[in-house]
Amino acid sequence: MDNSAVSAPHIVVVGGGISGLAAAHRLLESGARVTVLEAAGRLGGKLLAGEIAGARVDLGAESMLARRPEGVALAREVGLGDRLTPPAATAAIWTRGVLRPMPRNHLMGVPADPASLTGIVSAEGLARIAQDHELPSTEVGEDIGVGEFVARRVGREVVDRLVEPLLGGVYAGDAYRLSMRAAVPQLYALARENGSLLDGVARVQAKAAAGPRDGSPVFMGLDGGMGTLPLAVADAVRAGGGLIRTGTPVRALTRTAAGWLVRTDSPEAPAIEADGVVLASPAGPASALLAAESPSAAAELATVEYASMALVTMAFRRADLEHLQRRSGFLVPSVDGRTIKASTFSSYKWQWVTDRAPDLFVLRTSIGRYGEEEHLERDDADLVAMSLGDLGEAVGLAAKPVASEVTRWTGGLPQYPVGHLARVARVRDAVAKLPGLRICGAAYDGVGIPACVAGARRAADEIIATSTLAQNTQRDAGQ
């Protein structure tokens, strides 16, 4: 019998954000033929590089967790290793009308040493924190809200003044709704130990201090902006023979005897036959595409909520901001009632911004939290004015920007409420019943770049292992 090799499987990736592009890159490494379909006119999703007053800036996510390796590894694989750069300076927190240094030795705002919170937490709050040692164990079960658990152990002030602003930068969510198991798994592990939370955090910090110190940074960015990462991955995909189509919304996925039929709005490619599909779109579009073939998965995905936010990027004459203390920026607790939830001093945080625009000072603010998005209905000029007002109170900024840019991320950040991981497991169980289809993206295992890359690689590996032609190749090899 002729056992000649069959052609490589053709996999369609739906979505051209970092998850979809990372999946395509992995698929090509595995020998598949790949087509990426992106509905928008550009690639990258929430990673977006741009310019303001001639200065190169990020208009979306600006860094990635470096202690988790997948994002950094991908950057190196696509030729950006020499452009990886850590942030500089230190962050602060603007609370009770004063900018205060961010406490050291904490785990998502829970301190190893409560004294480090003096000035951030009231005297009554500090006394409440001390009760942690005397409280009985807190039952957490399969999951619990981050804010609920931390408040039970050390009081609401720690949640409202530290945990919430730290989580808000990642999820723009409500700390009391967010799943501790999904959003802060290290804290969840401590909770399962059923003891003092402060003692648990102290053990974690002591272990970290005693461990190997290789000098590696916690976070990493890219010279030129994180928005250059998806573009470099896309170039690598094309160089590997992959086809990428932007402005090509997918309207339907239909299971066929041979694999999948992918229907699009593009007259150039209205119907694409594929051996497998990686669905790397947000939960809402994914739900719509799965409705016919997996109603249960579609129903679960339809319940995923998203938060919207806006980034206000401004450029000033550097001479006008020489009074600013050197720091990477600051966070703002929502209980303080400010408009902005954070500000990043990009020209201090990233050396490459200063090197490329030495006469400018670039900073940006972030506006919008889950359930508190009314400000986003205002026009751009209002958001700039509101940001300048808060910056004036926080750091005495009185100068007017020479340029500004407002970037709105409507429905940009998926929420991970209590039970999120159980919902994801149900979705994956339902999707696993569809041969040749897998899912990935920020809605599932983490909103950060490394988590998205890890999920993409998992989806790619599984789709290759279960694709029709892969199974045929294995069958033929045994005959």
Protein backbone atom coordinates (compact mmCIF):
# COMPACT_ATOMS: atom_id res chain seq x y z
CA MET A 1 0.00 0.00 0.00
CA ASP A 2 1.21 3.51 -0.81
CA ASN A 3 2.14 5.18 2.47
CA SER A 4 3.33 8.42 0.90
CA ALA A 5 2.90 11.45 3.09
CA VAL A 6 -0.39 13.33 2.94
CA SER A 7 -0.42 17.10 2.59
CA ALA A 8 -0.09 19.21 5.70
CA PRO A 9 -3.34 20.07 7.50
CA HIS A 10 -4.83 23.47 6.72
CA ILE A 11 -5.80 25.33 9.88
CA VAL A 12 -7.79 28.56 9.92
CA VAL A 13 -7.16 30.90 12.84
CA VAL A 14 -10.06 33.26 13.55
CA GLY A 15 -8.68 36.40 15.17
CA GLY A 16 -5.51 38.41 14.57
CA GLY A 17 -4.75 39.55 18.10
CA ILE A 18 -1.69 38.29 19.94
CA SER A 19 -3.46 35.01 20.77
CA GLY A 20 -4.40 34.25 17.17
CA LEU A 21 -1.01 35.25 15.82
CA ALA A 22 0.82 33.21 18.47
CA ALA A 23 -1.36 30.21 17.59
CA ALA A 24 -0.59 30.67 13.88
CA HIS A 25 3.12 30.87 14.62
CA ARG A 26 2.99 27.66 16.62
CA LEU A 27 0.94 25.89 13.96
CA LEU A 28 3.47 26.74 11.27
CA GLU A 29 6.25 25.38 13.47
CA SER A 30 4.25 22.14 13.65
CA GLY A 31 4.12 21.88 9.86
CA ALA A 32 0.54 23.04 9.26
CA ARG A 33 -0.66 25.36 6.54
CA VAL A 34 -2.24 28.42 8.15
CA THR A 35 -4.71 31.14 7.24
CA VAL A 36 -5.38 33.94 9.75
CA LEU A 37 -8.65 35.86 9.41
CA GLU A 38 -9.03 39.18 11.25
CA ALA A 39 -12.25 41.20 11.14
CA ALA A 40 -10.58 44.57 11.79
CA GLY A 41 -8.39 46.41 9.35
CA ARG A 42 -5.31 45.91 11.50
CA LEU A 43 -3.63 43.21 13.56
CA GLY A 44 -2.70 43.16 17.23
CA GLY A 45 -5.91 43.61 19.19
CA LYS A 46 -5.13 45.51 22.39
CA LEU A 47 -1.47 45.80 21.42
CA LEU A 48 -1.22 48.98 19.39
CA ALA A 49 1.82 51.12 18.61
CA GLY A 50 1.31 54.72 17.54
CA GLU A 51 2.78 58.21 17.57
CA ILE A 52 2.09 61.46 19.37
CA ALA A 53 3.84 64.69 18.39
CA GLY A 54 6.25 62.52 16.41
CA ALA A 55 7.10 60.37 19.44
CA ARG A 56 6.65 56.61 19.24
CA VAL A 57 4.29 55.35 21.98
CA ASP A 58 2.10 52.44 22.97
CA LEU A 59 -1.61 53.17 22.72
CA GLY A 60 -2.53 49.82 24.27
CA ALA A 61 -0.78 47.39 26.61
CA GLU A 62 2.79 48.54 27.24
CA SER A 63 4.45 45.67 29.09
CA MET A 64 4.23 41.98 29.89
CA LEU A 65 5.01 39.82 32.89
CA ALA A 66 8.56 38.57 32.39
CA ARG A 67 8.63 36.08 35.28
CA ARG A 68 6.22 34.01 33.20
CA PRO A 69 8.27 33.05 30.14
CA GLU A 70 5.88 32.63 27.22
CA GLY A 71 5.64 36.27 26.11
CA VAL A 72 9.37 36.95 26.31
CA ALA A 73 10.07 33.66 24.52
CA LEU A 74 7.75 34.61 21.66
CA ALA A 75 9.44 38.01 21.31
CA ARG A 76 12.79 36.30 21.02
CA GLU A 77 11.49 33.74 18.53
CA VAL A 78 10.37 36.50 16.15
CA GLY A 79 13.61 38.44 16.34
CA LEU A 80 12.85 41.01 19.04
CA GLY A 81 15.20 39.65 21.70
CA ASP A 82 17.58 42.61 21.46
CA ARG A 83 14.69 45.04 21.91
CA LEU A 84 13.40 43.61 25.20
CA THR A 85 13.75 46.25 27.87
CA PRO A 86 12.62 46.48 31.51
CA PRO A 87 10.76 49.47 32.92
CA ALA A 88 12.63 51.99 35.04
CA ALA A 89 11.72 53.97 38.16
CA THR A 90 9.18 53.01 40.81
CA ALA A 91 5.43 53.39 41.18
CA ALA A 92 3.37 55.28 43.74
CA ILE A 93 -0.21 55.30 44.92
CA TRP A 94 -2.29 58.48 45.07
CA THR A 95 -4.64 58.16 48.01
CA ARG A 96 -6.00 60.40 50.76
CA GLY A 97 -4.75 63.36 48.70
CA VAL A 98 -1.07 62.38 48.82
CA LEU A 99 1.28 60.49 46.51
CA ARG A 100 2.85 57.73 48.55
CA PRO A 101 5.46 55.11 47.58
CA MET A 102 4.00 51.74 46.71
CA PRO A 103 4.64 49.42 49.70
CA ARG A 104 7.29 46.78 49.27
CA ASN A 105 6.98 43.09 50.11
CA HIS A 106 3.32 42.69 49.34
CA LEU A 107 1.33 40.13 47.40
CA MET A 108 -1.27 41.92 45.28
CA GLY A 109 -1.58 44.57 47.99
CA VAL A 110 -1.55 42.24 51.01
CA PRO A 111 1.52 43.24 53.04
CA ALA A 112 4.07 41.07 54.77
CA ASP A 113 4.62 44.02 57.14
CA PRO A 114 1.47 46.04 57.97
CA ALA A 115 3.63 48.99 59.10
CA SER A 116 4.49 49.58 55.44
CA LEU A 117 0.89 50.69 54.90
CA THR A 118 1.08 53.62 57.34
CA GLY A 119 -0.43 56.66 55.63
CA ILE A 120 -2.24 54.52 53.09
CA VAL A 121 -4.40 52.68 55.61
CA SER A 122 -5.84 54.49 58.65
CA ALA A 123 -4.91 53.69 62.25
CA GLU A 124 -8.18 51.80 62.54
CA GLY A 125 -7.32 49.93 59.36
CA LEU A 126 -3.90 48.96 60.73
CA ALA A 127 -5.52 47.66 63.90
CA ARG A 128 -7.93 45.62 61.79
CA ILE A 129 -5.04 44.11 59.83
CA ALA A 130 -3.43 42.95 63.08
CA GLN A 131 -6.53 40.87 63.87
CA ASP A 132 -5.59 38.47 61.10
CA HIS A 133 -3.37 36.53 63.48
CA GLU A 134 -6.27 35.94 65.87
CA LEU A 135 -9.01 35.05 63.37
CA PRO A 136 -10.06 31.46 62.72
CA SER A 137 -9.35 30.01 59.29
CA THR A 138 -11.49 31.32 56.44
CA GLU A 139 -13.19 28.69 54.29
CA VAL A 140 -12.61 29.45 50.61
CA GLY A 141 -14.01 26.33 48.94
CA GLU A 142 -13.55 26.02 45.20
CA ASP A 143 -13.40 29.78 44.71
CA ILE A 144 -13.98 33.11 46.41
CA GLY A 145 -13.81 36.77 45.48
CA VAL A 146 -10.42 38.38 46.02
CA GLY A 147 -11.89 41.32 47.86
CA GLU A 148 -14.21 39.19 49.96
CA PHE A 149 -11.41 36.98 51.22
CA VAL A 150 -8.87 39.74 51.85
CA ALA A 151 -11.49 41.86 53.62
CA ARG A 152 -12.37 38.95 55.91
CA ARG A 153 -8.75 38.51 56.89
CA VAL A 154 -7.32 42.05 57.03
CA GLY A 155 -10.22 44.44 56.46
CA ARG A 156 -11.75 46.40 53.61
CA GLU A 157 -9.20 49.21 53.65
CA VAL A 158 -6.48 46.94 52.30
CA VAL A 159 -8.83 45.89 49.52
CA ASP A 160 -10.02 49.39 48.69
CA ARG A 161 -6.67 51.19 48.95
CA LEU A 162 -4.29 48.56 47.50
CA VAL A 163 -5.82 45.37 46.11
CA GLU A 164 -8.43 47.15 44.00
CA PRO A 165 -6.06 49.60 42.25
CA LEU A 166 -3.52 46.84 41.58
CA LEU A 167 -6.15 44.53 40.09
CA GLY A 168 -7.78 47.45 38.31
CA GLY A 169 -4.72 47.94 36.17
CA VAL A 170 -5.01 44.42 34.82
CA TYR A 171 -8.75 43.72 34.74
CA ALA A 172 -10.40 47.13 35.22
CA GLY A 173 -12.65 45.04 37.45
CA ASP A 174 -14.33 44.99 40.84
CA ALA A 175 -11.99 43.33 43.34
CA TYR A 176 -14.96 41.98 45.29
CA ARG A 177 -16.30 40.14 42.22
CA LEU A 178 -13.02 38.93 40.74
CA SER A 179 -12.18 35.29 41.29
CA MET A 180 -9.17 34.83 43.54
CA ARG A 181 -8.48 31.44 42.00
CA ALA A 182 -8.43 32.89 38.47
CA ALA A 183 -6.97 36.37 39.04
CA VAL A 184 -4.53 35.81 41.92
CA PRO A 185 -3.79 32.07 42.11
CA GLN A 186 -0.83 32.56 44.46
CA LEU A 187 -3.11 34.25 46.97
CA TYR A 188 -5.67 31.48 46.49
CA ALA A 189 -3.00 28.90 47.34
CA LEU A 190 -2.24 30.77 50.57
CA ALA A 191 -5.93 30.90 51.41
CA ARG A 192 -6.17 27.13 51.06
CA GLU A 193 -3.51 26.76 53.74
CA ASN A 194 -6.15 27.87 56.28
CA GLY A 195 -4.01 30.10 58.45
CA SER A 196 -2.93 33.70 58.94
CA LEU A 197 -2.83 35.55 55.63
CA LEU A 198 -0.08 37.89 56.81
CA ASP A 199 2.09 34.95 57.87
CA GLY A 200 1.49 33.31 54.51
CA VAL A 201 2.54 36.42 52.59
CA ALA A 202 5.60 36.77 54.83
CA ARG A 203 6.60 33.18 54.01
CA VAL A 204 6.20 33.84 50.29
CA GLN A 205 8.31 36.99 50.50
CA ALA A 206 10.97 35.29 52.62
CA LYS A 207 11.19 32.42 50.17
CA ALA A 208 11.53 34.85 47.29
CA ALA A 209 14.26 36.77 49.12
CA ALA A 210 16.18 33.56 49.88
CA GLY A 211 15.84 32.18 46.36
CA PRO A 212 18.22 32.63 43.46
CA ARG A 213 18.65 36.24 42.39
CA ASP A 214 19.39 36.34 38.71
CA GLY A 215 18.49 40.00 38.42
CA SER A 216 15.69 39.27 35.96
CA PRO A 217 12.98 41.93 35.89
CA VAL A 218 9.38 41.23 36.83
CA PHE A 219 8.05 43.06 33.77
CA MET A 220 9.41 43.64 30.30
CA GLY A 221 8.61 45.96 27.43
CA LEU A 222 9.95 46.41 23.92
CA ASP A 223 11.98 49.24 22.46
CA GLY A 224 9.47 50.80 20.10
CA GLY A 225 6.49 49.58 22.09
CA MET A 226 4.66 46.35 22.82
CA GLY A 227 2.56 47.14 19.78
CA THR A 228 5.49 45.99 17.66
CA LEU A 229 5.18 42.42 18.97
CA PRO A 230 2.09 41.31 17.00
CA LEU A 231 3.48 42.92 13.86
CA ALA A 232 6.72 40.96 14.23
CA VAL A 233 4.80 37.73 14.84
CA ALA A 234 2.69 38.44 11.76
CA ASP A 235 5.86 38.96 9.70
CA ALA A 236 7.18 35.63 10.97
CA VAL A 237 3.89 33.93 10.06
CA ARG A 238 4.04 35.32 6.54
CA ALA A 239 7.69 34.35 6.21
CA GLY A 240 6.73 30.82 7.22
CA GLY A 241 4.17 30.61 4.44
CA GLY A 242 1.08 31.63 6.41
CA LEU A 243 -1.65 33.76 4.85
CA ILE A 244 -3.09 36.67 6.83
CA ARG A 245 -6.27 38.46 5.78
CA THR A 246 -7.43 41.61 7.61
CA GLY A 247 -10.87 43.16 7.09
CA THR A 248 -12.27 39.64 6.86
CA PRO A 249 -15.01 38.97 9.43
CA VAL A 250 -15.95 35.33 9.87
CA ARG A 251 -19.71 34.83 9.78
CA ALA A 252 -20.16 31.09 10.23
CA LEU A 253 -18.33 27.88 11.12
CA THR A 254 -19.84 24.68 9.79
CA ARG A 255 -18.62 21.17 10.50
CA THR A 256 -18.21 19.05 7.35
CA ALA A 257 -17.30 15.44 6.70
CA ALA A 258 -13.73 16.47 5.92
CA GLY A 259 -13.26 19.22 8.50
CA TRP A 260 -14.68 22.75 8.63
CA LEU A 261 -16.17 25.31 6.28
CA VAL A 262 -15.37 28.89 7.28
CA ARG A 263 -17.67 31.50 5.75
CA THR A 264 -16.57 35.12 5.60
CA ASP A 265 -17.77 38.49 4.32
CA SER A 266 -14.84 38.73 1.94
CA PRO A 267 -15.67 38.41 -1.77
CA GLU A 268 -12.11 37.19 -2.27
CA ALA A 269 -12.54 34.29 0.14
CA PRO A 270 -16.26 33.79 0.91
CA ALA A 271 -15.82 30.14 1.93
CA ILE A 272 -12.62 28.49 3.12
CA GLU A 273 -12.25 24.76 3.64
CA ALA A 274 -10.10 23.81 6.62
CA ASP A 275 -9.03 20.70 8.46
CA GLY A 276 -9.17 22.59 11.73
CA VAL A 277 -10.05 25.93 13.30
CA VAL A 278 -8.49 27.86 16.18
CA LEU A 279 -11.06 30.33 17.46
CA ALA A 280 -9.09 33.22 18.96
CA SER A 281 -11.76 35.92 19.03
CA PRO A 282 -13.37 37.58 22.10
CA ALA A 283 -16.11 35.70 23.92
CA GLY A 284 -19.04 37.44 22.22
CA PRO A 285 -18.01 36.74 18.61
CA ALA A 286 -16.85 33.25 19.63
CA SER A 287 -20.28 32.59 21.13
CA ALA A 288 -21.99 33.60 17.89
CA LEU A 289 -19.72 31.38 15.79
CA LEU A 290 -20.24 28.36 18.06
CA ALA A 291 -24.03 28.70 18.37
CA ALA A 292 -24.85 26.18 15.64
CA GLU A 293 -22.22 23.55 16.40
CA SER A 294 -21.96 23.83 20.20
CA PRO A 295 -24.96 25.60 21.78
CA SER A 296 -23.75 24.82 25.31
CA ALA A 297 -20.34 26.43 24.75
CA ALA A 298 -22.00 29.38 23.03
CA ALA A 299 -24.36 29.89 25.95
CA GLU A 300 -21.49 29.88 28.45
CA LEU A 301 -19.44 32.34 26.39
CA ALA A 302 -22.42 34.67 26.03
CA THR A 303 -22.30 35.27 29.79
CA VAL A 304 -18.69 36.57 29.79
CA GLU A 305 -18.69 40.26 30.73
CA TYR A 306 -16.19 42.87 29.62
CA ALA A 307 -15.03 46.20 30.98
CA SER A 308 -14.29 49.22 28.80
CA MET A 309 -11.57 51.78 29.32
CA ALA A 310 -9.82 54.70 27.67
CA LEU A 311 -6.16 55.65 27.55
CA VAL A 312 -5.35 59.36 27.34
CA THR A 313 -1.83 59.85 25.99
CA MET A 314 -0.32 63.32 26.17
CA ALA A 315 2.95 64.89 25.08
CA PHE A 316 4.37 67.98 26.82
CA ARG A 317 7.45 70.09 26.33
CA ARG A 318 9.96 68.38 28.55
CA ALA A 319 11.10 71.69 30.02
CA ASP A 320 7.58 72.24 31.38
CA LEU A 321 7.64 69.03 33.43
CA GLU A 322 11.13 69.11 34.91
CA HIS A 323 9.59 69.38 38.39
CA LEU A 324 8.04 65.90 38.21
CA GLN A 325 9.58 63.42 40.61
CA ARG A 326 11.15 60.51 38.77
CA ARG A 327 8.72 57.62 39.05
CA SER A 328 7.04 55.25 36.61
CA GLY A 329 3.61 56.58 37.54
CA PHE A 330 0.92 56.02 40.12
CA LEU A 331 -2.28 54.11 40.84
CA VAL A 332 -5.51 55.60 42.16
CA PRO A 333 -8.00 53.73 44.40
CA SER A 334 -11.59 54.12 43.24
CA VAL A 335 -12.69 55.02 46.79
CA ASP A 336 -10.85 58.33 46.40
CA GLY A 337 -13.41 59.39 43.79
CA ARG A 338 -11.00 60.52 41.08
CA THR A 339 -11.62 60.24 37.36
CA ILE A 340 -8.34 58.57 36.44
CA LYS A 341 -7.45 55.18 37.85
CA ALA A 342 -3.75 55.36 36.97
CA SER A 343 -1.10 57.43 35.26
CA THR A 344 2.09 56.27 33.57
CA PHE A 345 5.04 58.62 33.15
CA SER A 346 6.20 56.98 29.92
CA SER A 347 9.29 59.16 29.50
CA TYR A 348 10.52 58.04 32.94
CA LYS A 349 9.33 54.46 32.72
CA TRP A 350 10.76 53.65 29.29
CA GLN A 351 14.21 54.87 28.28
CA TRP A 352 13.41 54.29 24.62
CA VAL A 353 10.65 56.92 24.77
CA THR A 354 13.14 59.50 26.03
CA ASP A 355 15.83 58.44 23.58
CA ARG A 356 13.48 58.86 20.62
CA ALA A 357 11.89 62.12 21.81
CA PRO A 358 14.34 63.87 24.18
CA ASP A 359 12.56 67.23 24.03
CA LEU A 360 9.16 65.79 24.92
CA PHE A 361 7.67 64.30 28.06
CA VAL A 362 5.06 61.64 27.36
CA LEU A 363 2.59 60.45 29.95
CA ARG A 364 -0.76 58.77 29.87
CA THR A 365 -3.76 58.23 32.10
CA SER A 366 -6.24 55.38 32.30
CA ILE A 367 -9.98 55.91 32.75
CA GLY A 368 -12.76 53.37 33.22
CA ARG A 369 -13.59 50.48 35.52
CA TYR A 370 -16.16 47.71 35.37
CA GLY A 371 -19.53 49.22 36.21
CA GLU A 372 -18.07 52.76 36.26
CA GLU A 373 -17.77 53.58 32.59
CA GLU A 374 -19.97 56.68 32.33
CA HIS A 375 -16.93 58.89 31.76
CA LEU A 376 -16.20 57.02 28.54
CA GLU A 377 -19.32 58.55 27.00
CA ARG A 378 -17.64 61.97 27.10
CA ASP A 379 -15.77 63.33 24.12
CA ASP A 380 -11.98 63.24 23.81
CA ALA A 381 -11.47 66.86 24.87
CA ASP A 382 -13.38 66.23 28.11
CA LEU A 383 -11.28 63.15 28.93
CA VAL A 384 -8.09 65.14 28.35
CA ALA A 385 -9.35 67.99 30.55
CA MET A 386 -10.43 65.60 33.31
CA SER A 387 -7.05 63.87 33.20
CA LEU A 388 -5.22 67.19 33.43
CA GLY A 389 -7.37 68.16 36.40
CA ASP A 390 -6.46 65.03 38.35
CA LEU A 391 -2.79 65.32 37.36
CA GLY A 392 -2.78 68.90 38.57
CA GLU A 393 -3.97 67.79 42.01
CA ALA A 394 -1.72 64.74 42.15
CA VAL A 395 1.62 66.13 40.92
CA GLY A 396 1.06 69.85 40.44
CA LEU A 397 0.99 69.61 36.65
CA ALA A 398 -0.06 72.97 35.21
CA ALA A 399 1.32 72.77 31.68
CA LYS A 400 -0.81 72.16 28.62
CA PRO A 401 0.03 69.26 26.32
CA VAL A 402 1.38 69.97 22.84
CA ALA A 403 -0.56 66.94 21.61
CA SER A 404 -3.00 64.38 22.97
CA GLU A 405 -4.51 61.10 21.81
CA VAL A 406 -7.49 59.25 23.31
CA THR A 407 -7.68 55.51 22.63
CA ARG A 408 -10.92 53.82 23.62
CA TRP A 409 -10.95 50.09 24.33
CA THR A 410 -14.67 49.34 24.30
CA GLY A 411 -15.32 45.91 25.79
CA GLY A 412 -11.58 45.40 25.95
CA LEU A 413 -11.01 43.54 29.21
CA PRO A 414 -12.83 40.27 30.03
CA GLN A 415 -13.95 39.89 33.63
CA TYR A 416 -13.05 36.86 35.74
CA PRO A 417 -15.76 36.66 38.42
CA VAL A 418 -16.04 33.88 40.97
CA GLY A 419 -16.59 30.62 39.08
CA HIS A 420 -14.77 31.79 35.97
CA LEU A 421 -12.41 28.81 35.78
CA ALA A 422 -15.31 26.38 36.15
CA ARG A 423 -17.08 28.13 33.28
CA VAL A 424 -13.94 27.92 31.14
CA ALA A 425 -13.68 24.20 31.90
CA ARG A 426 -17.29 23.69 30.77
CA VAL A 427 -16.61 25.60 27.55
CA ARG A 428 -13.50 23.55 26.82
CA ASP A 429 -15.31 20.29 27.56
CA ALA A 430 -18.04 21.23 25.08
CA VAL A 431 -15.58 22.41 22.41
CA ALA A 432 -13.49 19.24 22.80
CA LYS A 433 -16.44 17.30 21.38
CA LEU A 434 -15.94 19.14 18.08
CA PRO A 435 -13.10 17.45 16.18
CA GLY A 436 -10.61 19.92 14.81
CA LEU A 437 -11.66 23.01 16.78
CA ARG A 438 -10.03 24.71 19.76
CA ILE A 439 -10.34 28.09 21.51
CA CYS A 440 -7.88 30.57 22.99
CA GLY A 441 -7.69 34.20 24.05
CA ALA A 442 -7.88 36.56 27.00
CA ALA A 443 -11.37 35.35 27.95
CA TYR A 444 -10.06 32.01 29.21
CA ASP A 445 -6.79 31.65 31.13
CA GLY A 446 -5.52 35.19 31.72
CA VAL A 447 -5.59 38.64 30.19
CA GLY A 448 -1.81 39.15 30.18
CA ILE A 449 0.37 38.54 27.12
CA PRO A 450 2.16 35.44 28.52
CA ALA A 451 -1.16 33.80 29.44
CA CYS A 452 -2.56 34.53 25.98
CA VAL A 453 0.53 33.08 24.31
CA ALA A 454 0.38 29.98 26.51
CA GLY A 455 -3.29 29.44 25.68
CA ALA A 456 -2.57 29.92 21.99
CA ARG A 457 0.18 27.32 22.03
CA ARG A 458 -2.02 24.88 23.87
CA ALA A 459 -4.79 25.35 21.29
CA ALA A 460 -2.35 24.95 18.40
CA ASP A 461 -0.80 21.79 19.83
CA GLU A 462 -4.22 20.25 20.46
CA ILE A 463 -5.55 21.15 17.04
CA ILE A 464 -2.57 19.50 15.36
CA ALA A 465 -2.94 16.41 17.53
CA THR A 466 -6.64 16.08 16.76
CA SER A 467 -6.89 17.38 13.18
CA THR A 468 -8.36 15.05 10.62
CA LEU A 469 -5.24 14.82 8.52
CA ALA A 470 -3.05 14.23 11.56
CA GLN A 471 -5.27 11.28 12.43
CA ASN A 472 -5.12 10.06 8.84
CA THR A 473 -1.35 10.28 8.85
CA GLN A 474 -1.18 8.19 12.02
CA ARG A 475 -3.62 5.67 10.53
CA ASP A 476 -1.68 5.38 7.30
CA ALA A 477 1.58 4.95 9.17
CA GLY A 478 0.14 1.90 10.88
CA GLN A 479 -1.00 0.22 7.68
